[in-house]
Amino acid sequence: DKEAAQPGDLILFKGHSSGGNRIGHVGLITEVIGDQVK
C-alpha cells in the first residue's frame, strides 16, 4: 500500500497517457517522509 511505502520499493506509473490502465514507467523510492514519497 502507498501508506506502507519504504525506501527501496519500486514505484509504478502509467505511461504517457493518464487515461490508460497499463504500467509504463517505474522508479525507485529513495525517501518517505510523512506522505511525501521521493
PDB file of all heavy atoms in Angstrom:
ATOM      1  N   ASP A   1       0.839  -1.197   0.000  1.00  0.00           N
ATOM      2  CA  ASP A   1       0.000   0.000   0.000  1.00  0.00           C
ATOM      3  C   ASP A   1       0.876   1.250   0.000  1.00  0.00           C
ATOM      4  O   ASP A   1       1.966   1.246   0.574  1.00  0.00           O
ATOM      5  CB  ASP A   1      -0.890   0.042   1.241  1.00  0.00           C
ATOM      6  CG  ASP A   1      -1.982  -1.010   1.217  1.00  0.00           C
ATOM      7  OD1 ASP A   1      -2.394  -1.417   0.112  1.00  0.00           O
ATOM      8  OD2 ASP A   1      -2.418  -1.429   2.306  1.00  0.00           O
ATOM      9  N   LYS A   2       0.374   2.315  -0.593  1.00  0.00           N
ATOM     10  CA  LYS A   2       1.123   3.572  -0.666  1.00  0.00           C
ATOM     11  C   LYS A   2       1.519   4.049   0.730  1.00  0.00           C
ATOM     12  O   LYS A   2       2.615   4.550   0.938  1.00  0.00           O
ATOM     13  CB  LYS A   2       0.283   4.632  -1.388  1.00  0.00           C
ATOM     14  CG  LYS A   2       0.995   5.941  -1.566  1.00  0.00           C
ATOM     15  CD  LYS A   2       0.329   6.927  -2.501  1.00  0.00           C
ATOM     16  CE  LYS A   2      -1.140   7.010  -2.431  1.00  0.00           C
ATOM     17  NZ  LYS A   2      -1.703   8.120  -3.224  1.00  0.00           N
ATOM     18  N   GLU A   3       0.649   3.863   1.700  1.00  0.00           N
ATOM     19  CA  GLU A   3       0.921   4.303   3.065  1.00  0.00           C
ATOM     20  C   GLU A   3       2.045   3.495   3.723  1.00  0.00           C
ATOM     21  O   GLU A   3       2.628   3.929   4.706  1.00  0.00           O
ATOM     22  CB  GLU A   3      -0.348   4.201   3.925  1.00  0.00           C
ATOM     23  CG  GLU A   3      -1.477   5.120   3.487  1.00  0.00           C
ATOM     24  CD  GLU A   3      -2.187   4.644   2.205  1.00  0.00           C
ATOM     25  OE1 GLU A   3      -2.228   3.423   1.939  1.00  0.00           O
ATOM     26  OE2 GLU A   3      -2.675   5.506   1.471  1.00  0.00           O
ATOM     27  N   ALA A   4       2.350   2.326   3.185  1.00  0.00           N
ATOM     28  CA  ALA A   4       3.399   1.471   3.748  1.00  0.00           C
ATOM     29  C   ALA A   4       4.687   1.534   2.931  1.00  0.00           C
ATOM     30  O   ALA A   4       5.617   0.763   3.174  1.00  0.00           O
ATOM     31  CB  ALA A   4       2.896   0.030   3.826  1.00  0.00           C
ATOM     32  N   ALA A   5       4.765   2.451   1.965  1.00  0.00           N
ATOM     33  CA  ALA A   5       5.948   2.562   1.100  1.00  0.00           C
ATOM     34  C   ALA A   5       7.203   2.815   1.928  1.00  0.00           C
ATOM     35  O   ALA A   5       7.159   3.518   2.943  1.00  0.00           O
ATOM     36  CB  ALA A   5       5.755   3.694   0.102  1.00  0.00           C
ATOM     37  N   GLN A   6       8.305   2.222   1.487  1.00  0.00           N
ATOM     38  CA  GLN A   6       9.596   2.381   2.151  1.00  0.00           C
ATOM     39  C   GLN A   6      10.673   2.620   1.092  1.00  0.00           C
ATOM     40  O   GLN A   6      10.514   2.210  -0.063  1.00  0.00           O
ATOM     41  CB  GLN A   6       9.955   1.100   2.919  1.00  0.00           C
ATOM     42  CG  GLN A   6       9.061   0.796   4.084  1.00  0.00           C
ATOM     43  CD  GLN A   6       9.273   1.738   5.254  1.00  0.00           C
ATOM     44  OE1 GLN A   6      10.275   2.450   5.328  1.00  0.00           O
ATOM     45  NE2 GLN A   6       8.329   1.768   6.170  1.00  0.00           N
ATOM     46  N   PRO A   7      11.776   3.230   1.492  1.00  0.00           N
ATOM     47  CA  PRO A   7      12.902   3.340   0.571  1.00  0.00           C
ATOM     48  C   PRO A   7      13.304   1.952   0.071  1.00  0.00           C
ATOM     49  O   PRO A   7      13.267   0.974   0.829  1.00  0.00           O
ATOM     50  CB  PRO A   7      14.015   3.955   1.437  1.00  0.00           C
ATOM     51  CG  PRO A   7      13.265   4.723   2.483  1.00  0.00           C
ATOM     52  CD  PRO A   7      12.053   3.893   2.768  1.00  0.00           C
ATOM     53  N   GLY A   8      13.641   1.862  -1.198  1.00  0.00           N
ATOM     54  CA  GLY A   8      13.999   0.583  -1.806  1.00  0.00           C
ATOM     55  C   GLY A   8      12.859  -0.071  -2.558  1.00  0.00           C
ATOM     56  O   GLY A   8      13.078  -0.990  -3.336  1.00  0.00           O
ATOM     57  N   ASP A   9      11.625   0.409  -2.357  1.00  0.00           N
ATOM     58  CA  ASP A   9      10.481  -0.139  -3.080  1.00  0.00           C
ATOM     59  C   ASP A   9      10.459   0.423  -4.504  1.00  0.00           C
ATOM     60  O   ASP A   9      10.912   1.541  -4.752  1.00  0.00           O
ATOM     61  CB  ASP A   9       9.157   0.242  -2.397  1.00  0.00           C
ATOM     62  CG  ASP A   9       8.945  -0.448  -1.056  1.00  0.00           C
ATOM     63  OD1 ASP A   9       9.621  -1.462  -0.774  1.00  0.00           O
ATOM     64  OD2 ASP A   9       8.096   0.036  -0.282  1.00  0.00           O
ATOM     65  N   LEU A  10       9.911  -0.363  -5.419  1.00  0.00           N
ATOM     66  CA  LEU A  10       9.664   0.128  -6.776  1.00  0.00           C
ATOM     67  C   LEU A  10       8.349   0.888  -6.766  1.00  0.00           C
ATOM     68  O   LEU A  10       7.397   0.480  -6.106  1.00  0.00           O
ATOM     69  CB  LEU A  10       9.558  -1.041  -7.763  1.00  0.00           C
ATOM     70  CG  LEU A  10      10.808  -1.875  -7.987  1.00  0.00           C
ATOM     71  CD1 LEU A  10      10.503  -3.042  -8.931  1.00  0.00           C
ATOM     72  CD2 LEU A  10      11.937  -1.021  -8.564  1.00  0.00           C
ATOM     73  N   ILE A  11       8.279   1.978  -7.515  1.00  0.00           N
ATOM     74  CA  ILE A  11       7.041   2.742  -7.652  1.00  0.00           C
ATOM     75  C   ILE A  11       6.663   2.726  -9.129  1.00  0.00           C
ATOM     76  O   ILE A  11       7.514   2.951  -9.997  1.00  0.00           O
ATOM     77  CB  ILE A  11       7.179   4.171  -7.081  1.00  0.00           C
ATOM     78  CG1 ILE A  11       5.835   4.890  -7.086  1.00  0.00           C
ATOM     79  CG2 ILE A  11       8.283   4.957  -7.764  1.00  0.00           C
ATOM     80  CD1 ILE A  11       5.800   6.133  -6.209  1.00  0.00           C
ATOM     81  N   LEU A  12       5.411   2.422  -9.411  1.00  0.00           N
ATOM     82  CA  LEU A  12       4.959   2.164 -10.783  1.00  0.00           C
ATOM     83  C   LEU A  12       3.905   3.171 -11.228  1.00  0.00           C
ATOM     84  O   LEU A  12       3.041   3.568 -10.443  1.00  0.00           O
ATOM     85  CB  LEU A  12       4.392   0.749 -10.857  1.00  0.00           C
ATOM     86  CG  LEU A  12       5.399  -0.316 -10.412  1.00  0.00           C
ATOM     87  CD1 LEU A  12       4.706  -1.507  -9.824  1.00  0.00           C
ATOM     88  CD2 LEU A  12       6.281  -0.698 -11.573  1.00  0.00           C
ATOM     89  N   PHE A  13       3.994   3.534 -12.504  1.00  0.00           N
ATOM     90  CA  PHE A  13       3.103   4.531 -13.072  1.00  0.00           C
ATOM     91  C   PHE A  13       2.584   4.079 -14.430  1.00  0.00           C
ATOM     92  O   PHE A  13       3.196   3.240 -15.084  1.00  0.00           O
ATOM     93  CB  PHE A  13       3.864   5.858 -13.271  1.00  0.00           C
ATOM     94  CG  PHE A  13       4.434   6.417 -12.019  1.00  0.00           C
ATOM     95  CD1 PHE A  13       5.747   6.134 -11.659  1.00  0.00           C
ATOM     96  CD2 PHE A  13       3.676   7.214 -11.194  1.00  0.00           C
ATOM     97  CE1 PHE A  13       6.297   6.650 -10.495  1.00  0.00           C
ATOM     98  CE2 PHE A  13       4.212   7.737 -10.025  1.00  0.00           C
ATOM     99  CZ  PHE A  13       5.520   7.452  -9.672  1.00  0.00           C
ATOM    100  N   LYS A  14       1.477   4.704 -14.835  1.00  0.00           N
ATOM    101  CA  LYS A  14       1.017   4.550 -16.207  1.00  0.00           C
ATOM    102  C   LYS A  14       2.034   5.232 -17.096  1.00  0.00           C
ATOM    103  O   LYS A  14       2.820   6.058 -16.636  1.00  0.00           O
ATOM    104  CB  LYS A  14      -0.348   5.225 -16.390  1.00  0.00           C
ATOM    105  CG  LYS A  14      -1.435   4.638 -15.535  1.00  0.00           C
ATOM    106  CD  LYS A  14      -2.705   5.444 -15.642  1.00  0.00           C
ATOM    107  CE  LYS A  14      -3.740   4.908 -14.677  1.00  0.00           C
ATOM    108  NZ  LYS A  14      -4.960   5.710 -14.698  1.00  0.00           N
ATOM    109  N   GLY A  15       1.975   4.919 -18.381  1.00  0.00           N
ATOM    110  CA  GLY A  15       2.877   5.576 -19.337  1.00  0.00           C
ATOM    111  C   GLY A  15       2.466   7.018 -19.556  1.00  0.00           C
ATOM    112  O   GLY A  15       1.885   7.651 -18.686  1.00  0.00           O
ATOM    113  N   HIS A  16       2.703   7.544 -20.744  1.00  0.00           N
ATOM    114  CA  HIS A  16       2.416   8.951 -21.038  1.00  0.00           C
ATOM    115  C   HIS A  16       0.938   9.288 -20.923  1.00  0.00           C
ATOM    116  O   HIS A  16       0.577  10.398 -20.604  1.00  0.00           O
ATOM    117  CB  HIS A  16       2.924   9.330 -22.435  1.00  0.00           C
ATOM    118  CG  HIS A  16       4.408   9.306 -22.527  1.00  0.00           C
ATOM    119  ND1 HIS A  16       5.199  10.223 -21.880  1.00  0.00           N
ATOM    120  CD2 HIS A  16       5.257   8.469 -23.168  1.00  0.00           C
ATOM    121  CE1 HIS A  16       6.454   9.956 -22.121  1.00  0.00           C
ATOM    122  NE2 HIS A  16       6.533   8.900 -22.904  1.00  0.00           N
ATOM    123  N   SER A  17       0.059   8.338 -21.170  1.00  0.00           N
ATOM    124  CA  SER A  17      -1.372   8.604 -21.112  1.00  0.00           C
ATOM    125  C   SER A  17      -1.919   8.260 -19.732  1.00  0.00           C
ATOM    126  O   SER A  17      -1.863   7.115 -19.293  1.00  0.00           O
ATOM    127  CB  SER A  17      -2.111   7.763 -22.164  1.00  0.00           C
ATOM    128  OG  SER A  17      -3.497   7.843 -21.951  1.00  0.00           O
ATOM    129  N   SER A  18      -2.457   9.277 -19.056  1.00  0.00           N
ATOM    130  CA  SER A  18      -3.025   9.023 -17.732  1.00  0.00           C
ATOM    131  C   SER A  18      -4.365   8.302 -17.835  1.00  0.00           C
ATOM    132  O   SER A  18      -4.887   7.817 -16.841  1.00  0.00           O
ATOM    133  CB  SER A  18      -3.194  10.326 -16.954  1.00  0.00           C
ATOM    134  OG  SER A  18      -4.112  11.179 -17.599  1.00  0.00           O
ATOM    135  N   GLY A  19      -4.915   8.211 -19.042  1.00  0.00           N
ATOM    136  CA  GLY A  19      -6.197   7.541 -19.224  1.00  0.00           C
ATOM    137  C   GLY A  19      -6.079   6.036 -19.365  1.00  0.00           C
ATOM    138  O   GLY A  19      -7.050   5.314 -19.200  1.00  0.00           O
ATOM    139  N   GLY A  20      -4.905   5.546 -19.665  1.00  0.00           N
ATOM    140  CA  GLY A  20      -4.708   4.105 -19.832  1.00  0.00           C
ATOM    141  C   GLY A  20      -4.735   3.366 -18.509  1.00  0.00           C
ATOM    142  O   GLY A  20      -4.913   3.951 -17.449  1.00  0.00           O
ATOM    143  N   ASN A  21      -4.541   2.064 -18.594  1.00  0.00           N
ATOM    144  CA  ASN A  21      -4.553   1.261 -17.378  1.00  0.00           C
ATOM    145  C   ASN A  21      -3.380   0.287 -17.360  1.00  0.00           C
ATOM    146  O   ASN A  21      -3.470  -0.775 -16.772  1.00  0.00           O
ATOM    147  CB  ASN A  21      -5.886   0.513 -17.256  1.00  0.00           C
ATOM    148  CG  ASN A  21      -6.183   0.180 -15.812  1.00  0.00           C
ATOM    149  OD1 ASN A  21      -5.642   0.778 -14.895  1.00  0.00           O
ATOM    150  ND2 ASN A  21      -7.043  -0.794 -15.611  1.00  0.00           N
ATOM    151  N   ARG A  22      -2.282   0.656 -18.052  1.00  0.00           N
ATOM    152  CA  ARG A  22      -1.126  -0.226 -18.130  1.00  0.00           C
ATOM    153  C   ARG A  22       0.089   0.455 -17.518  1.00  0.00           C
ATOM    154  O   ARG A  22       0.287   1.653 -17.691  1.00  0.00           O
ATOM    155  CB  ARG A  22      -0.827  -0.564 -19.588  1.00  0.00           C
ATOM    156  CG  ARG A  22      -1.972  -1.334 -20.249  1.00  0.00           C
ATOM    157  CD  ARG A  22      -1.679  -1.637 -21.674  1.00  0.00           C
ATOM    158  NE  ARG A  22      -0.461  -2.470 -21.753  1.00  0.00           N
ATOM    159  CZ  ARG A  22       0.114  -2.834 -22.872  1.00  0.00           C
ATOM    160  NH1 ARG A  22      -0.391  -2.436 -24.019  1.00  0.00           N
ATOM    161  NH2 ARG A  22       1.185  -3.588 -22.873  1.00  0.00           N
ATOM    162  N   ILE A  23       0.897  -0.333 -16.849  1.00  0.00           N
ATOM    163  CA  ILE A  23       2.140   0.190 -16.284  1.00  0.00           C
ATOM    164  C   ILE A  23       3.076   0.536 -17.444  1.00  0.00           C
ATOM    165  O   ILE A  23       3.275  -0.271 -18.346  1.00  0.00           O
ATOM    166  CB  ILE A  23       2.801  -0.843 -15.348  1.00  0.00           C
ATOM    167  CG1 ILE A  23       1.909  -1.073 -14.131  1.00  0.00           C
ATOM    168  CG2 ILE A  23       4.199  -0.397 -14.940  1.00  0.00           C
ATOM    169  CD1 ILE A  23       2.352  -2.227 -13.249  1.00  0.00           C
ATOM    170  N   GLY A  24       3.639   1.739 -17.389  1.00  0.00           N
ATOM    171  CA  GLY A  24       4.539   2.168 -18.445  1.00  0.00           C
ATOM    172  C   GLY A  24       5.767   2.901 -17.924  1.00  0.00           C
ATOM    173  O   GLY A  24       6.578   3.378 -18.700  1.00  0.00           O
ATOM    174  N   HIS A  25       5.897   2.992 -16.588  1.00  0.00           N
ATOM    175  CA  HIS A  25       7.041   3.711 -16.021  1.00  0.00           C
ATOM    176  C   HIS A  25       7.310   3.176 -14.619  1.00  0.00           C
ATOM    177  O   HIS A  25       6.385   2.791 -13.902  1.00  0.00           O
ATOM    178  CB  HIS A  25       6.762   5.214 -15.970  1.00  0.00           C
ATOM    179  CG  HIS A  25       7.960   6.027 -15.627  1.00  0.00           C
ATOM    180  ND1 HIS A  25       9.055   6.143 -16.460  1.00  0.00           N
ATOM    181  CD2 HIS A  25       8.261   6.747 -14.523  1.00  0.00           C
ATOM    182  CE1 HIS A  25       9.961   6.906 -15.887  1.00  0.00           C
ATOM    183  NE2 HIS A  25       9.497   7.286 -14.705  1.00  0.00           N
ATOM    184  N   VAL A  26       8.599   3.161 -14.231  1.00  0.00           N
ATOM    185  CA  VAL A  26       8.992   2.655 -12.916  1.00  0.00           C
ATOM    186  C   VAL A  26      10.126   3.498 -12.357  1.00  0.00           C
ATOM    187  O   VAL A  26      10.941   4.042 -13.100  1.00  0.00           O
ATOM    188  CB  VAL A  26       9.401   1.151 -12.992  1.00  0.00           C
ATOM    189  CG1 VAL A  26      10.623   0.959 -13.878  1.00  0.00           C
ATOM    190  CG2 VAL A  26       9.621   0.548 -11.618  1.00  0.00           C
ATOM    191  N   GLY A  27      10.153   3.613 -11.032  1.00  0.00           N
ATOM    192  CA  GLY A  27      11.229   4.306 -10.340  1.00  0.00           C
ATOM    193  C   GLY A  27      11.553   3.576  -9.044  1.00  0.00           C
ATOM    194  O   GLY A  27      10.912   2.573  -8.694  1.00  0.00           O
ATOM    195  N   LEU A  28      12.515   4.093  -8.312  1.00  0.00           N
ATOM    196  CA  LEU A  28      12.975   3.513  -7.054  1.00  0.00           C
ATOM    197  C   LEU A  28      12.746   4.543  -5.949  1.00  0.00           C
ATOM    198  O   LEU A  28      13.274   5.659  -6.023  1.00  0.00           O
ATOM    199  CB  LEU A  28      14.469   3.174  -7.163  1.00  0.00           C
ATOM    200  CG  LEU A  28      15.201   2.752  -5.898  1.00  0.00           C
ATOM    201  CD1 LEU A  28      14.647   1.445  -5.355  1.00  0.00           C
ATOM    202  CD2 LEU A  28      16.697   2.628  -6.171  1.00  0.00           C
ATOM    203  N   ILE A  29      11.981   4.172  -4.930  1.00  0.00           N
ATOM    204  CA  ILE A  29      11.706   5.087  -3.825  1.00  0.00           C
ATOM    205  C   ILE A  29      12.992   5.274  -3.016  1.00  0.00           C
ATOM    206  O   ILE A  29      13.638   4.308  -2.623  1.00  0.00           O
ATOM    207  CB  ILE A  29      10.559   4.569  -2.940  1.00  0.00           C
ATOM    208  CG1 ILE A  29       9.258   4.529  -3.757  1.00  0.00           C
ATOM    209  CG2 ILE A  29      10.402   5.438  -1.691  1.00  0.00           C
ATOM    210  CD1 ILE A  29       8.066   3.945  -3.025  1.00  0.00           C
ATOM    211  N   THR A  30      13.330   6.548  -2.771  1.00  0.00           N
ATOM    212  CA  THR A  30      14.546   6.867  -2.015  1.00  0.00           C
ATOM    213  C   THR A  30      14.247   7.408  -0.628  1.00  0.00           C
ATOM    214  O   THR A  30      15.061   7.268   0.277  1.00  0.00           O
ATOM    215  CB  THR A  30      15.409   7.898  -2.759  1.00  0.00           C
ATOM    216  OG1 THR A  30      14.639   9.073  -2.982  1.00  0.00           O
ATOM    217  CG2 THR A  30      15.915   7.331  -4.076  1.00  0.00           C
ATOM    218  N   GLU A  31      13.088   8.044  -0.443  1.00  0.00           N
ATOM    219  CA  GLU A  31      12.725   8.616   0.851  1.00  0.00           C
ATOM    220  C   GLU A  31      11.213   8.619   0.996  1.00  0.00           C
ATOM    221  O   GLU A  31      10.490   8.819   0.015  1.00  0.00           O
ATOM    222  CB  GLU A  31      13.175  10.078   0.972  1.00  0.00           C
ATOM    223  CG  GLU A  31      14.650  10.300   1.089  1.00  0.00           C
ATOM    224  CD  GLU A  31      14.964  11.783   1.237  1.00  0.00           C
ATOM    225  OE1 GLU A  31      14.499  12.409   2.217  1.00  0.00           O
ATOM    226  OE2 GLU A  31      15.666  12.303   0.356  1.00  0.00           O
ATOM    227  N   VAL A  32      10.763   8.417   2.233  1.00  0.00           N
ATOM    228  CA  VAL A  32       9.353   8.581   2.565  1.00  0.00           C
ATOM    229  C   VAL A  32       9.313   9.369   3.866  1.00  0.00           C
ATOM    230  O   VAL A  32       9.793   8.908   4.893  1.00  0.00           O
ATOM    231  CB  VAL A  32       8.629   7.229   2.745  1.00  0.00           C
ATOM    232  CG1 VAL A  32       7.172   7.450   3.112  1.00  0.00           C
ATOM    233  CG2 VAL A  32       8.753   6.374   1.499  1.00  0.00           C
ATOM    234  N   ILE A  33       8.774  10.577   3.781  1.00  0.00           N
ATOM    235  CA  ILE A  33       8.652  11.425   4.965  1.00  0.00           C
ATOM    236  C   ILE A  33       7.206  11.870   5.033  1.00  0.00           C
ATOM    237  O   ILE A  33       6.754  12.663   4.212  1.00  0.00           O
ATOM    238  CB  ILE A  33       9.600  12.639   4.884  1.00  0.00           C
ATOM    239  CG1 ILE A  33      11.045  12.166   4.735  1.00  0.00           C
ATOM    240  CG2 ILE A  33       9.437  13.522   6.117  1.00  0.00           C
ATOM    241  CD1 ILE A  33      12.026  13.252   4.403  1.00  0.00           C
ATOM    242  N   GLY A  34       6.489  11.324   5.999  1.00  0.00           N
ATOM    243  CA  GLY A  34       5.054  11.600   6.089  1.00  0.00           C
ATOM    244  C   GLY A  34       4.380  11.040   4.853  1.00  0.00           C
ATOM    245  O   GLY A  34       4.544   9.874   4.525  1.00  0.00           O
ATOM    246  N   ASP A  35       3.656  11.898   4.138  1.00  0.00           N
ATOM    247  CA  ASP A  35       3.008  11.445   2.903  1.00  0.00           C
ATOM    248  C   ASP A  35       3.827  11.826   1.668  1.00  0.00           C
ATOM    249  O   ASP A  35       3.362  11.693   0.545  1.00  0.00           O
ATOM    250  CB  ASP A  35       1.582  11.988   2.806  1.00  0.00           C
ATOM    251  CG  ASP A  35       1.528  13.508   2.705  1.00  0.00           C
ATOM    252  OD1 ASP A  35       2.569  14.163   2.941  1.00  0.00           O
ATOM    253  OD2 ASP A  35       0.447  14.040   2.401  1.00  0.00           O
ATOM    254  N   GLN A  36       5.046  12.297   1.871  1.00  0.00           N
ATOM    255  CA  GLN A  36       5.930  12.669   0.763  1.00  0.00           C
ATOM    256  C   GLN A  36       6.771  11.460   0.339  1.00  0.00           C
ATOM    257  O   GLN A  36       7.559  10.943   1.133  1.00  0.00           O
ATOM    258  CB  GLN A  36       6.885  13.790   1.186  1.00  0.00           C
ATOM    259  CG  GLN A  36       6.178  15.080   1.536  1.00  0.00           C
ATOM    260  CD  GLN A  36       5.614  15.754   0.300  1.00  0.00           C
ATOM    261  OE1 GLN A  36       6.273  15.839  -0.726  1.00  0.00           O
ATOM    262  NE2 GLN A  36       4.397  16.242   0.407  1.00  0.00           N
ATOM    263  N   VAL A  37       6.574  11.016  -0.894  1.00  0.00           N
ATOM    264  CA  VAL A  37       7.340   9.894  -1.435  1.00  0.00           C
ATOM    265  C   VAL A  37       8.256  10.445  -2.525  1.00  0.00           C
ATOM    266  O   VAL A  37       7.797  10.957  -3.540  1.00  0.00           O
ATOM    267  CB  VAL A  37       6.404   8.803  -2.012  1.00  0.00           C
ATOM    268  CG1 VAL A  37       7.217   7.692  -2.660  1.00  0.00           C
ATOM    269  CG2 VAL A  37       5.484   8.254  -0.931  1.00  0.00           C
ATOM    270  N   LYS A  38       9.559  10.339  -2.281  1.00  0.00           N
ATOM    271  CA  LYS A  38      10.564  10.805  -3.237  1.00  0.00           C
ATOM    272  C   LYS A  38      11.127   9.577  -3.940  1.00  0.00           C
ATOM    273  O   LYS A  38      11.382   8.555  -3.298  1.00  0.00           O
ATOM    274  CB  LYS A  38      11.677  11.542  -2.496  1.00  0.00           C
ATOM    275  CG  LYS A  38      12.760  12.114  -3.382  1.00  0.00           C
ATOM    276  CD  LYS A  38      13.784  12.866  -2.513  1.00  0.00           C
ATOM    277  CE  LYS A  38      14.901  13.444  -3.332  1.00  0.00           C
ATOM    278  NZ  LYS A  38      15.878  14.134  -2.464  1.00  0.00           N
TER     279      LYS A  38
END
